[in-house]
């Protein structure tokens, strides 16, 4: 059983570029939404941190753990 919302379909039909781009007419909107999300992840801070600070901190922690693990395996191998 398919659910179809007539008001949603009517709204989609009003979206410009149907003849020229077909289903791909929504691509610019998704591109803009993705850019807005990326911008918010970079520039919006909560307290003193944002997404990229958290990501960099996690990457540094992973690199440190890998080095410690490699050193431990070298010591146990000797």
N, C-alpha and C. Protein backbone atom coordinates (compact mmCIF):
# COMPACT_ATOMS: atom_id res chain seq x y z
N UNK A 1 0.83 -1.17 0.00
CA UNK A 1 0.00 0.00 0.00
C UNK A 1 0.88 1.24 0.00
N UNK A 2 0.73 2.08 -0.99
CA UNK A 2 1.51 3.30 -1.09
C UNK A 2 0.73 4.44 -0.47
N UNK A 3 1.46 5.27 0.25
CA UNK A 3 0.87 6.48 0.81
C UNK A 3 1.28 7.64 -0.08
N UNK A 4 0.32 8.40 -0.56
CA UNK A 4 0.61 9.55 -1.39
C UNK A 4 -0.04 10.78 -0.80
N UNK A 5 0.78 11.77 -0.58
CA UNK A 5 0.27 13.05 -0.09
C UNK A 5 0.07 13.96 -1.29
N UNK A 6 -1.15 14.30 -1.55
CA UNK A 6 -1.45 15.13 -2.71
C UNK A 6 -0.90 16.54 -2.54
N UNK A 7 -0.95 17.06 -1.34
CA UNK A 7 -0.43 18.42 -1.13
C UNK A 7 1.09 18.44 -1.30
N UNK A 8 1.78 17.39 -0.86
CA UNK A 8 3.23 17.31 -1.03
C UNK A 8 3.58 17.16 -2.51
N UNK A 9 2.85 16.33 -3.21
CA UNK A 9 3.09 16.16 -4.65
C UNK A 9 2.83 17.47 -5.40
N UNK A 10 1.80 18.20 -5.01
CA UNK A 10 1.51 19.47 -5.64
C UNK A 10 2.64 20.47 -5.38
N UNK A 11 3.17 20.45 -4.15
CA UNK A 11 4.31 21.32 -3.81
C UNK A 11 5.53 20.95 -4.64
N UNK A 12 5.78 19.66 -4.82
CA UNK A 12 6.91 19.23 -5.65
C UNK A 12 6.73 19.62 -7.10
N UNK A 13 5.50 19.59 -7.59
CA UNK A 13 5.24 19.99 -8.97
C UNK A 13 5.46 21.48 -9.20
N UNK A 14 5.34 22.29 -8.16
CA UNK A 14 5.59 23.72 -8.29
C UNK A 14 7.07 24.05 -8.34
N UNK A 15 7.92 23.11 -7.96
CA UNK A 15 9.37 23.34 -7.95
C UNK A 15 9.84 23.58 -9.39
N UNK A 16 10.59 24.64 -9.64
CA UNK A 16 10.98 24.98 -11.02
C UNK A 16 11.98 24.00 -11.61
N UNK A 17 12.00 23.92 -12.94
CA UNK A 17 12.99 23.13 -13.67
C UNK A 17 12.59 21.72 -13.98
N UNK A 18 11.32 21.40 -13.91
CA UNK A 18 10.87 20.02 -14.12
C UNK A 18 11.16 19.54 -15.53
N UNK A 19 10.91 20.37 -16.53
CA UNK A 19 11.15 19.95 -17.91
C UNK A 19 12.63 19.90 -18.25
N UNK A 20 13.39 20.83 -17.72
CA UNK A 20 14.81 20.93 -18.06
C UNK A 20 15.65 19.89 -17.34
N UNK A 21 15.45 19.73 -16.03
CA UNK A 21 16.32 18.87 -15.23
C UNK A 21 15.66 17.58 -14.74
N UNK A 22 14.36 17.50 -14.78
CA UNK A 22 13.67 16.30 -14.31
C UNK A 22 13.82 16.14 -12.81
N UNK A 23 14.15 14.94 -12.38
CA UNK A 23 14.29 14.67 -10.94
C UNK A 23 15.50 15.38 -10.34
N UNK A 24 16.45 15.75 -11.17
CA UNK A 24 17.66 16.40 -10.69
C UNK A 24 17.45 17.88 -10.37
N UNK A 25 16.25 18.37 -10.50
CA UNK A 25 15.99 19.78 -10.21
C UNK A 25 16.12 20.08 -8.73
N UNK A 26 16.11 19.07 -7.89
CA UNK A 26 16.25 19.28 -6.44
C UNK A 26 17.71 19.32 -6.01
N UNK A 27 18.62 18.95 -6.89
CA UNK A 27 20.03 18.88 -6.56
C UNK A 27 20.60 20.20 -6.03
N UNK A 28 20.32 21.35 -6.65
CA UNK A 28 20.85 22.61 -6.09
C UNK A 28 20.37 22.88 -4.66
N UNK A 29 19.15 22.52 -4.35
CA UNK A 29 18.64 22.73 -2.99
C UNK A 29 19.41 21.86 -2.00
N UNK A 30 19.69 20.61 -2.36
CA UNK A 30 20.44 19.74 -1.47
C UNK A 30 21.89 20.20 -1.33
N UNK A 31 22.44 20.74 -2.42
CA UNK A 31 23.79 21.29 -2.36
C UNK A 31 23.84 22.46 -1.38
N UNK A 32 22.86 23.33 -1.45
CA UNK A 32 22.81 24.49 -0.55
C UNK A 32 22.60 24.04 0.89
N UNK A 33 21.75 23.05 1.10
CA UNK A 33 21.54 22.53 2.46
C UNK A 33 22.82 21.91 3.02
N UNK A 34 23.55 21.18 2.18
CA UNK A 34 24.82 20.59 2.61
C UNK A 34 25.85 21.65 2.95
N UNK A 35 25.91 22.70 2.14
CA UNK A 35 26.84 23.80 2.41
C UNK A 35 26.47 24.51 3.71
N UNK A 36 25.18 24.69 3.95
CA UNK A 36 24.73 25.33 5.19
C UNK A 36 25.08 24.46 6.41
N UNK A 37 24.93 23.15 6.27
CA UNK A 37 25.29 22.25 7.36
C UNK A 37 26.79 22.32 7.64
N UNK A 38 27.60 22.30 6.59
CA UNK A 38 29.05 22.39 6.75
C UNK A 38 29.44 23.72 7.39
N UNK A 39 28.83 24.79 6.94
CA UNK A 39 29.10 26.11 7.52
C UNK A 39 28.76 26.13 9.01
N UNK A 40 27.63 25.55 9.36
CA UNK A 40 27.23 25.54 10.77
C UNK A 40 28.18 24.68 11.60
N UNK A 41 28.65 23.58 11.04
CA UNK A 41 29.57 22.72 11.78
C UNK A 41 30.90 23.43 12.03
N UNK A 42 31.32 24.28 11.12
CA UNK A 42 32.59 25.00 11.27
C UNK A 42 32.43 26.19 12.20
N UNK A 43 31.39 26.96 12.04
CA UNK A 43 31.31 28.26 12.70
C UNK A 43 30.49 28.31 13.98
N UNK A 44 29.57 27.43 14.17
CA UNK A 44 28.77 27.49 15.40
C UNK A 44 29.51 26.78 16.51
N UNK A 45 29.66 27.47 17.62
CA UNK A 45 30.33 26.88 18.76
C UNK A 45 29.35 26.74 19.92
N UNK A 46 29.54 25.68 20.66
CA UNK A 46 28.77 25.46 21.88
C UNK A 46 29.79 25.50 23.00
N UNK A 47 29.72 26.52 23.81
CA UNK A 47 30.76 26.72 24.81
C UNK A 47 32.02 27.17 24.09
N UNK A 48 33.07 26.36 24.18
CA UNK A 48 34.32 26.67 23.49
C UNK A 48 34.65 25.64 22.44
N UNK A 49 33.71 24.83 22.04
CA UNK A 49 34.01 23.76 21.09
C UNK A 49 33.00 23.76 19.95
N UNK A 50 33.45 23.24 18.82
CA UNK A 50 32.57 23.01 17.69
C UNK A 50 32.89 21.62 17.13
N UNK A 51 32.28 21.27 16.03
CA UNK A 51 32.44 19.93 15.49
C UNK A 51 33.89 19.63 15.13
N UNK A 52 34.56 20.57 14.48
CA UNK A 52 35.91 20.30 14.01
C UNK A 52 36.91 20.24 15.15
N UNK A 53 36.72 21.02 16.20
CA UNK A 53 37.60 20.89 17.37
C UNK A 53 37.47 19.50 17.97
N UNK A 54 36.24 19.02 18.07
CA UNK A 54 36.00 17.69 18.60
C UNK A 54 36.60 16.63 17.70
N UNK A 55 36.46 16.79 16.40
CA UNK A 55 37.01 15.83 15.44
C UNK A 55 38.54 15.80 15.51
N UNK A 56 39.18 16.96 15.56
CA UNK A 56 40.64 17.02 15.64
C UNK A 56 41.13 16.38 16.94
N UNK A 57 40.44 16.64 18.03
CA UNK A 57 40.83 16.06 19.32
C UNK A 57 40.73 14.53 19.26
N UNK A 58 39.67 14.03 18.65
CA UNK A 58 39.49 12.58 18.54
C UNK A 58 40.56 11.96 17.64
N UNK A 59 40.89 12.62 16.53
CA UNK A 59 41.94 12.12 15.64
C UNK A 59 43.28 12.08 16.36
N UNK A 60 43.61 13.12 17.12
CA UNK A 60 44.87 13.14 17.86
C UNK A 60 44.91 12.01 18.88
N UNK A 61 43.78 11.76 19.54
CA UNK A 61 43.71 10.67 20.52
C UNK A 61 43.90 9.32 19.84
N UNK A 62 43.30 9.12 18.66
CA UNK A 62 43.47 7.86 17.93
C UNK A 62 44.91 7.65 17.50
N UNK A 63 45.57 8.71 17.02
CA UNK A 63 46.97 8.60 16.60
C UNK A 63 47.85 8.24 17.79
N UNK A 64 47.61 8.88 18.92
CA UNK A 64 48.39 8.59 20.12
C UNK A 64 48.19 7.15 20.57
N UNK A 65 46.94 6.68 20.56
CA UNK A 65 46.67 5.30 20.95
C UNK A 65 47.35 4.30 20.01
N UNK A 66 47.37 4.60 18.70
CA UNK A 66 48.04 3.72 17.75
C UNK A 66 49.54 3.68 18.00
N UNK A 67 50.15 4.82 18.29
CA UNK A 67 51.59 4.85 18.58
C UNK A 67 51.91 4.09 19.86
N UNK A 68 51.10 4.28 20.89
CA UNK A 68 51.33 3.55 22.14
C UNK A 68 51.18 2.05 21.93
N UNK A 69 50.19 1.67 21.14
CA UNK A 69 49.98 0.25 20.86
C UNK A 69 51.16 -0.31 20.06
N UNK A 70 51.68 0.46 19.11
CA UNK A 70 52.83 0.01 18.32
C UNK A 70 54.06 -0.12 19.19
N UNK A 71 54.26 0.82 20.12
CA UNK A 71 55.42 0.75 21.02
C UNK A 71 55.31 -0.46 21.95
N UNK A 72 54.10 -0.73 22.44
CA UNK A 72 53.91 -1.88 23.32
C UNK A 72 54.16 -3.18 22.58
N UNK A 73 53.73 -3.26 21.34
CA UNK A 73 53.94 -4.49 20.57
C UNK A 73 55.41 -4.66 20.22
N UNK A 74 56.15 -3.57 20.01
CA UNK A 74 57.59 -3.66 19.76
C UNK A 74 58.32 -4.14 21.01
N UNK A 75 57.94 -3.62 22.16
CA UNK A 75 58.59 -4.01 23.42
C UNK A 75 58.29 -5.47 23.75
N UNK A 76 57.08 -5.91 23.51
CA UNK A 76 56.73 -7.29 23.84
C UNK A 76 57.34 -8.26 22.81
N UNK A 77 57.64 -7.78 21.61
CA UNK A 77 58.24 -8.61 20.57
C UNK A 77 59.73 -8.82 20.78
N UNK A 78 60.38 -7.94 21.52
CA UNK A 78 61.83 -8.06 21.72
C UNK A 78 62.18 -8.99 22.81
